[in-house]
Amino acid sequence: VQLVESGGGSVQAGGSLRLSCVASGRSITVYGMAWFRQAPGKEREFVAAIPWSDSRTSYADSVKGRFSISRDNAENTVYLQMNSLKPEDTAVYFCNAAAYRTPGVHGTGAYWGQGTQVTVSS
């Protein structure tokens, strides 16, 4: 599975962005999908996940109530809607996929995208 993220950019605090992760090579129907992020000088951290088998999403405490993950299997795409952005959300955001399990909840998946930069200014 090849993953390509897009939708990053620079916004002011309080703004919104919608990230997309388009998969190719295989259908994501049986892939749990997740978003991770990595800020400069910090380790990569879990942001949000959506299982392959149902719609029970999971979120890091730091983004609950502000971010929303969704998937469109017909388009082979996963989205991350980010609202009320804060400067501490500044990071490179990565898409991750794992077959028959949920990355972020159960380890990480084998497939990663190249990342998209999100910068939030105060």
N, C-alpha and C. Protein backbone atom coordinates (compact mmCIF):
# COMPACT_ATOMS: atom_id res chain seq x y z
N VAL A 1 0.85 -1.19 0.00
CA VAL A 1 0.00 0.00 0.00
C VAL A 1 0.88 1.24 0.00
N GLN A 2 0.63 2.14 -0.93
CA GLN A 2 1.32 3.43 -0.95
C GLN A 2 0.36 4.50 -0.44
N LEU A 3 0.88 5.35 0.44
CA LEU A 3 0.05 6.38 1.07
C LEU A 3 0.62 7.76 0.73
N VAL A 4 -0.25 8.67 0.35
CA VAL A 4 0.17 10.03 0.03
C VAL A 4 -0.72 11.01 0.78
N GLU A 5 -0.10 11.80 1.65
CA GLU A 5 -0.85 12.80 2.41
C GLU A 5 -0.84 14.14 1.67
N SER A 6 -1.86 14.92 1.94
CA SER A 6 -1.95 16.28 1.41
C SER A 6 -2.86 17.09 2.31
N GLY A 7 -2.89 18.40 2.07
CA GLY A 7 -3.79 19.26 2.81
C GLY A 7 -3.14 20.08 3.90
N GLY A 8 -1.86 19.84 4.14
CA GLY A 8 -1.18 20.62 5.16
C GLY A 8 -0.98 22.06 4.70
N GLY A 9 -0.53 22.89 5.62
CA GLY A 9 -0.30 24.29 5.29
C GLY A 9 -0.07 25.09 6.55
N SER A 10 -0.13 26.41 6.38
CA SER A 10 0.07 27.33 7.49
C SER A 10 -1.24 28.04 7.80
N VAL A 11 -1.64 28.02 9.06
CA VAL A 11 -2.86 28.69 9.48
C VAL A 11 -2.62 29.40 10.80
N GLN A 12 -3.50 30.30 11.13
CA GLN A 12 -3.43 30.96 12.42
C GLN A 12 -4.18 30.13 13.45
N ALA A 13 -3.84 30.34 14.70
CA ALA A 13 -4.51 29.64 15.79
C ALA A 13 -6.02 29.87 15.69
N GLY A 14 -6.76 28.80 15.92
CA GLY A 14 -8.20 28.85 15.80
C GLY A 14 -8.71 28.44 14.43
N GLY A 15 -7.82 28.32 13.49
CA GLY A 15 -8.21 27.94 12.13
C GLY A 15 -8.41 26.45 11.96
N SER A 16 -8.70 26.06 10.73
CA SER A 16 -8.99 24.67 10.41
C SER A 16 -8.21 24.22 9.19
N LEU A 17 -7.93 22.93 9.15
CA LEU A 17 -7.34 22.28 7.98
C LEU A 17 -7.95 20.90 7.85
N ARG A 18 -7.99 20.40 6.63
CA ARG A 18 -8.44 19.04 6.39
C ARG A 18 -7.34 18.30 5.65
N LEU A 19 -6.79 17.30 6.31
CA LEU A 19 -5.76 16.48 5.70
C LEU A 19 -6.40 15.28 4.99
N SER A 20 -5.78 14.88 3.90
CA SER A 20 -6.23 13.70 3.16
C SER A 20 -5.07 12.72 3.04
N CYS A 21 -5.40 11.45 3.04
CA CYS A 21 -4.42 10.39 2.83
C CYS A 21 -5.01 9.46 1.78
N VAL A 22 -4.43 9.50 0.59
CA VAL A 22 -4.92 8.67 -0.50
C VAL A 22 -4.04 7.43 -0.61
N ALA A 23 -4.68 6.28 -0.62
CA ALA A 23 -3.96 5.01 -0.72
C ALA A 23 -4.03 4.47 -2.14
N SER A 24 -2.98 3.81 -2.55
CA SER A 24 -2.97 3.15 -3.85
C SER A 24 -2.28 1.80 -3.70
N GLY A 25 -2.52 0.96 -4.66
CA GLY A 25 -1.90 -0.36 -4.63
C GLY A 25 -2.83 -1.44 -4.10
N ARG A 26 -3.59 -1.11 -3.09
CA ARG A 26 -4.56 -2.04 -2.52
C ARG A 26 -5.73 -1.25 -1.97
N SER A 27 -6.86 -1.91 -1.87
CA SER A 27 -8.01 -1.29 -1.23
C SER A 27 -7.75 -1.21 0.27
N ILE A 28 -8.19 -0.10 0.87
CA ILE A 28 -8.01 0.05 2.31
C ILE A 28 -9.15 -0.58 3.11
N THR A 29 -10.02 -1.29 2.43
CA THR A 29 -11.21 -1.86 3.07
C THR A 29 -10.86 -2.66 4.32
N VAL A 30 -9.74 -3.40 4.28
CA VAL A 30 -9.38 -4.23 5.42
C VAL A 30 -8.20 -3.65 6.19
N TYR A 31 -7.96 -2.35 6.02
CA TYR A 31 -6.87 -1.69 6.72
C TYR A 31 -7.40 -0.73 7.77
N GLY A 32 -6.93 -0.92 9.01
CA GLY A 32 -7.12 0.13 9.99
C GLY A 32 -6.19 1.28 9.63
N MET A 33 -6.67 2.50 9.83
CA MET A 33 -5.92 3.68 9.42
C MET A 33 -5.74 4.63 10.60
N ALA A 34 -4.62 5.34 10.59
CA ALA A 34 -4.35 6.27 11.69
C ALA A 34 -3.54 7.45 11.19
N TRP A 35 -3.60 8.50 11.97
CA TRP A 35 -2.74 9.67 11.78
C TRP A 35 -1.81 9.78 12.98
N PHE A 36 -0.56 10.05 12.69
CA PHE A 36 0.44 10.35 13.69
C PHE A 36 1.04 11.72 13.35
N ARG A 37 1.75 12.31 14.30
CA ARG A 37 2.43 13.56 14.02
C ARG A 37 3.77 13.60 14.73
N GLN A 38 4.66 14.39 14.18
CA GLN A 38 5.98 14.55 14.78
C GLN A 38 6.40 16.01 14.71
N ALA A 39 6.58 16.59 15.88
CA ALA A 39 7.04 17.97 15.98
C ALA A 39 8.57 17.98 16.04
N PRO A 40 9.19 19.09 15.70
CA PRO A 40 10.66 19.17 15.73
C PRO A 40 11.21 18.82 17.11
N GLY A 41 12.17 17.92 17.13
CA GLY A 41 12.81 17.54 18.38
C GLY A 41 12.00 16.61 19.26
N LYS A 42 10.86 16.15 18.75
CA LYS A 42 10.01 15.26 19.54
C LYS A 42 9.79 13.94 18.83
N GLU A 43 9.35 12.96 19.60
CA GLU A 43 9.04 11.66 19.01
C GLU A 43 7.69 11.71 18.28
N ARG A 44 7.53 10.80 17.34
CA ARG A 44 6.26 10.69 16.64
C ARG A 44 5.19 10.24 17.63
N GLU A 45 4.02 10.86 17.56
CA GLU A 45 2.95 10.53 18.48
C GLU A 45 1.64 10.26 17.76
N PHE A 46 0.83 9.45 18.40
CA PHE A 46 -0.48 9.09 17.87
C PHE A 46 -1.42 10.28 17.93
N VAL A 47 -2.25 10.43 16.89
CA VAL A 47 -3.25 11.50 16.85
C VAL A 47 -4.66 10.94 16.83
N ALA A 48 -4.95 10.08 15.85
CA ALA A 48 -6.31 9.56 15.68
C ALA A 48 -6.27 8.28 14.87
N ALA A 49 -7.28 7.43 15.07
CA ALA A 49 -7.35 6.16 14.35
C ALA A 49 -8.78 5.79 14.06
N ILE A 50 -8.95 5.02 12.98
CA ILE A 50 -10.26 4.49 12.62
C ILE A 50 -10.07 3.05 12.18
N PRO A 51 -10.84 2.13 12.75
CA PRO A 51 -10.66 0.71 12.44
C PRO A 51 -11.10 0.37 11.01
N TRP A 52 -10.75 -0.84 10.58
CA TRP A 52 -11.21 -1.29 9.25
C TRP A 52 -12.62 -1.86 9.35
N SER A 53 -13.01 -2.33 10.55
CA SER A 53 -14.23 -3.12 10.67
C SER A 53 -15.43 -2.35 11.20
N ASP A 54 -15.21 -1.19 11.79
CA ASP A 54 -16.34 -0.41 12.29
C ASP A 54 -15.93 1.05 12.37
N SER A 55 -16.77 1.87 12.95
CA SER A 55 -16.50 3.31 12.96
C SER A 55 -16.11 3.84 14.33
N ARG A 56 -15.61 2.95 15.17
CA ARG A 56 -15.23 3.39 16.52
C ARG A 56 -13.87 4.06 16.48
N THR A 57 -13.89 5.36 16.38
CA THR A 57 -12.66 6.13 16.27
C THR A 57 -11.97 6.32 17.62
N SER A 58 -10.68 6.58 17.58
CA SER A 58 -9.88 6.82 18.78
C SER A 58 -9.07 8.09 18.57
N TYR A 59 -8.85 8.82 19.66
CA TYR A 59 -8.12 10.10 19.58
C TYR A 59 -7.17 10.25 20.76
N ALA A 60 -6.08 10.95 20.50
CA ALA A 60 -5.22 11.38 21.59
C ALA A 60 -5.97 12.41 22.41
N ASP A 61 -5.72 12.44 23.70
CA ASP A 61 -6.42 13.39 24.57
C ASP A 61 -6.22 14.83 24.10
N SER A 62 -5.06 15.12 23.55
CA SER A 62 -4.73 16.49 23.17
C SER A 62 -5.56 17.00 21.99
N VAL A 63 -6.21 16.12 21.25
CA VAL A 63 -6.98 16.55 20.08
C VAL A 63 -8.46 16.22 20.17
N LYS A 64 -8.87 15.54 21.23
CA LYS A 64 -10.28 15.18 21.38
C LYS A 64 -11.17 16.41 21.36
N GLY A 65 -12.25 16.31 20.61
CA GLY A 65 -13.17 17.43 20.51
C GLY A 65 -12.80 18.45 19.46
N ARG A 66 -11.59 18.36 18.92
CA ARG A 66 -11.13 19.31 17.90
C ARG A 66 -10.87 18.64 16.56
N PHE A 67 -10.37 17.41 16.59
CA PHE A 67 -10.03 16.67 15.37
C PHE A 67 -11.05 15.56 15.14
N SER A 68 -11.23 15.23 13.86
CA SER A 68 -12.15 14.15 13.50
C SER A 68 -11.55 13.35 12.35
N ILE A 69 -11.45 12.02 12.55
CA ILE A 69 -10.94 11.15 11.50
C ILE A 69 -12.11 10.45 10.82
N SER A 70 -12.02 10.29 9.52
CA SER A 70 -13.05 9.59 8.77
C SER A 70 -12.41 8.88 7.58
N ARG A 71 -13.17 7.98 6.97
CA ARG A 71 -12.63 7.25 5.83
C ARG A 71 -13.69 7.10 4.76
N ASP A 72 -13.25 7.05 3.52
CA ASP A 72 -14.12 6.81 2.38
C ASP A 72 -13.48 5.65 1.61
N ASN A 73 -13.97 4.45 1.88
CA ASN A 73 -13.36 3.28 1.25
C ASN A 73 -13.51 3.30 -0.26
N ALA A 74 -14.59 3.86 -0.75
CA ALA A 74 -14.80 3.92 -2.20
C ALA A 74 -13.73 4.78 -2.88
N GLU A 75 -13.27 5.80 -2.15
CA GLU A 75 -12.23 6.69 -2.68
C GLU A 75 -10.83 6.29 -2.19
N ASN A 76 -10.77 5.23 -1.38
CA ASN A 76 -9.48 4.78 -0.83
C ASN A 76 -8.76 5.90 -0.10
N THR A 77 -9.52 6.67 0.67
CA THR A 77 -8.99 7.88 1.28
C THR A 77 -9.41 7.96 2.74
N VAL A 78 -8.49 8.48 3.54
CA VAL A 78 -8.75 8.77 4.94
C VAL A 78 -8.53 10.26 5.16
N TYR A 79 -9.38 10.84 5.99
CA TYR A 79 -9.32 12.28 6.23
C TYR A 79 -9.06 12.58 7.70
N LEU A 80 -8.48 13.73 7.96
CA LEU A 80 -8.36 14.24 9.31
C LEU A 80 -8.80 15.70 9.28
N GLN A 81 -9.98 15.95 9.82
CA GLN A 81 -10.48 17.31 9.94
C GLN A 81 -9.96 17.90 11.23
N MET A 82 -9.25 19.01 11.13
CA MET A 82 -8.63 19.62 12.30
C MET A 82 -9.22 21.02 12.50
N ASN A 83 -9.91 21.19 13.60
CA ASN A 83 -10.52 22.48 13.93
C ASN A 83 -9.87 23.06 15.18
N SER A 84 -10.11 24.34 15.40
CA SER A 84 -9.58 25.02 16.59
C SER A 84 -8.09 24.73 16.78
N LEU A 85 -7.35 24.88 15.73
CA LEU A 85 -5.93 24.53 15.76
C LEU A 85 -5.16 25.43 16.72
N LYS A 86 -4.16 24.82 17.35
CA LYS A 86 -3.31 25.51 18.32
C LYS A 86 -1.86 25.47 17.84
N PRO A 87 -1.04 26.38 18.31
CA PRO A 87 0.38 26.34 17.91
C PRO A 87 1.04 25.00 18.24
N GLU A 88 0.61 24.37 19.31
CA GLU A 88 1.19 23.07 19.68
C GLU A 88 0.78 21.94 18.75
N ASP A 89 -0.12 22.20 17.82
CA ASP A 89 -0.46 21.20 16.79
C ASP A 89 0.53 21.23 15.63
N THR A 90 1.45 22.17 15.65
CA THR A 90 2.44 22.27 14.59
C THR A 90 3.31 21.01 14.55
N ALA A 91 3.34 20.37 13.39
CA ALA A 91 4.07 19.11 13.24
C ALA A 91 3.96 18.63 11.80
N VAL A 92 4.72 17.61 11.49
CA VAL A 92 4.50 16.87 10.25
C VAL A 92 3.52 15.75 10.58
N TYR A 93 2.48 15.65 9.80
CA TYR A 93 1.43 14.66 10.02
C TYR A 93 1.59 13.51 9.03
N PHE A 94 1.56 12.30 9.59
CA PHE A 94 1.78 11.09 8.80
C PHE A 94 0.55 10.19 8.84
N CYS A 95 0.27 9.56 7.73
CA CYS A 95 -0.78 8.56 7.62
C CYS A 95 -0.14 7.18 7.81
N ASN A 96 -0.87 6.29 8.46
CA ASN A 96 -0.35 4.95 8.75
C ASN A 96 -1.44 3.92 8.53
N ALA A 97 -1.08 2.77 7.99
CA ALA A 97 -2.06 1.73 7.68
C ALA A 97 -1.60 0.38 8.19
N ALA A 98 -2.54 -0.42 8.70
CA ALA A 98 -2.25 -1.76 9.17
C ALA A 98 -3.41 -2.67 8.79
N ALA A 99 -3.08 -3.83 8.23
CA ALA A 99 -4.11 -4.77 7.81
C ALA A 99 -4.75 -5.45 9.01
N TYR A 100 -6.06 -5.43 9.05
CA TYR A 100 -6.87 -6.15 10.04
C TYR A 100 -6.61 -5.75 11.49
N ARG A 101 -6.07 -4.59 11.72
CA ARG A 101 -5.96 -4.05 13.08
C ARG A 101 -5.88 -2.55 13.00
N THR A 102 -5.94 -1.92 14.17
CA THR A 102 -5.98 -0.47 14.21
C THR A 102 -4.65 0.08 14.67
N PRO A 103 -3.88 0.72 13.80
CA PRO A 103 -2.62 1.33 14.24
C PRO A 103 -2.90 2.45 15.22
N GLY A 104 -1.96 2.63 16.12
CA GLY A 104 -2.15 3.63 17.16
C GLY A 104 -2.81 3.04 18.39
N VAL A 105 -3.75 2.14 18.17
CA VAL A 105 -4.38 1.41 19.26
C VAL A 105 -3.62 0.11 19.51
N HIS A 106 -3.22 -0.51 18.42
CA HIS A 106 -2.44 -1.75 18.48
C HIS A 106 -1.15 -1.56 17.70
N GLY A 107 -0.18 -0.92 18.31
CA GLY A 107 1.11 -0.69 17.66
C GLY A 107 0.97 0.24 16.48
N THR A 108 1.87 0.11 15.52
CA THR A 108 1.79 0.90 14.29
C THR A 108 1.74 -0.04 13.10
N GLY A 109 1.27 0.48 11.98
CA GLY A 109 1.18 -0.33 10.78
C GLY A 109 2.47 -0.31 9.99
N ALA A 110 2.52 -1.16 9.00
CA ALA A 110 3.73 -1.30 8.19
C ALA A 110 3.86 -0.21 7.13
N TYR A 111 2.76 0.49 6.86
CA TYR A 111 2.75 1.43 5.74
C TYR A 111 2.61 2.86 6.23
N TRP A 112 3.52 3.71 5.73
CA TRP A 112 3.55 5.12 6.11
C TRP A 112 3.57 5.99 4.86
N GLY A 113 2.97 7.16 4.97
CA GLY A 113 3.12 8.16 3.94
C GLY A 113 4.35 9.00 4.21
N GLN A 114 4.58 9.99 3.34
CA GLN A 114 5.77 10.82 3.46
C GLN A 114 5.56 12.00 4.40
N GLY A 115 4.31 12.26 4.76
CA GLY A 115 4.00 13.33 5.70
C GLY A 115 3.61 14.64 5.03
N THR A 116 2.85 15.43 5.75
CA THR A 116 2.47 16.77 5.29
C THR A 116 2.63 17.73 6.46
N GLN A 117 3.22 18.89 6.20
CA GLN A 117 3.54 19.84 7.25
C GLN A 117 2.32 20.68 7.61
N VAL A 118 2.08 20.79 8.90
CA VAL A 118 1.05 21.69 9.43
C VAL A 118 1.74 22.67 10.36
N THR A 119 1.54 23.95 10.10
CA THR A 119 2.13 25.00 10.92
C THR A 119 1.03 25.93 11.41
N VAL A 120 0.95 26.08 12.72
CA VAL A 120 -0.08 26.92 13.33
C VAL A 120 0.61 28.07 14.06
N SER A 121 0.30 29.27 13.66
CA SER A 121 0.92 30.45 14.28
C SER A 121 -0.04 31.10 15.27
N SER A 122 0.55 31.70 16.28
CA SER A 122 -0.27 32.33 17.33
C SER A 122 -0.63 33.76 16.98
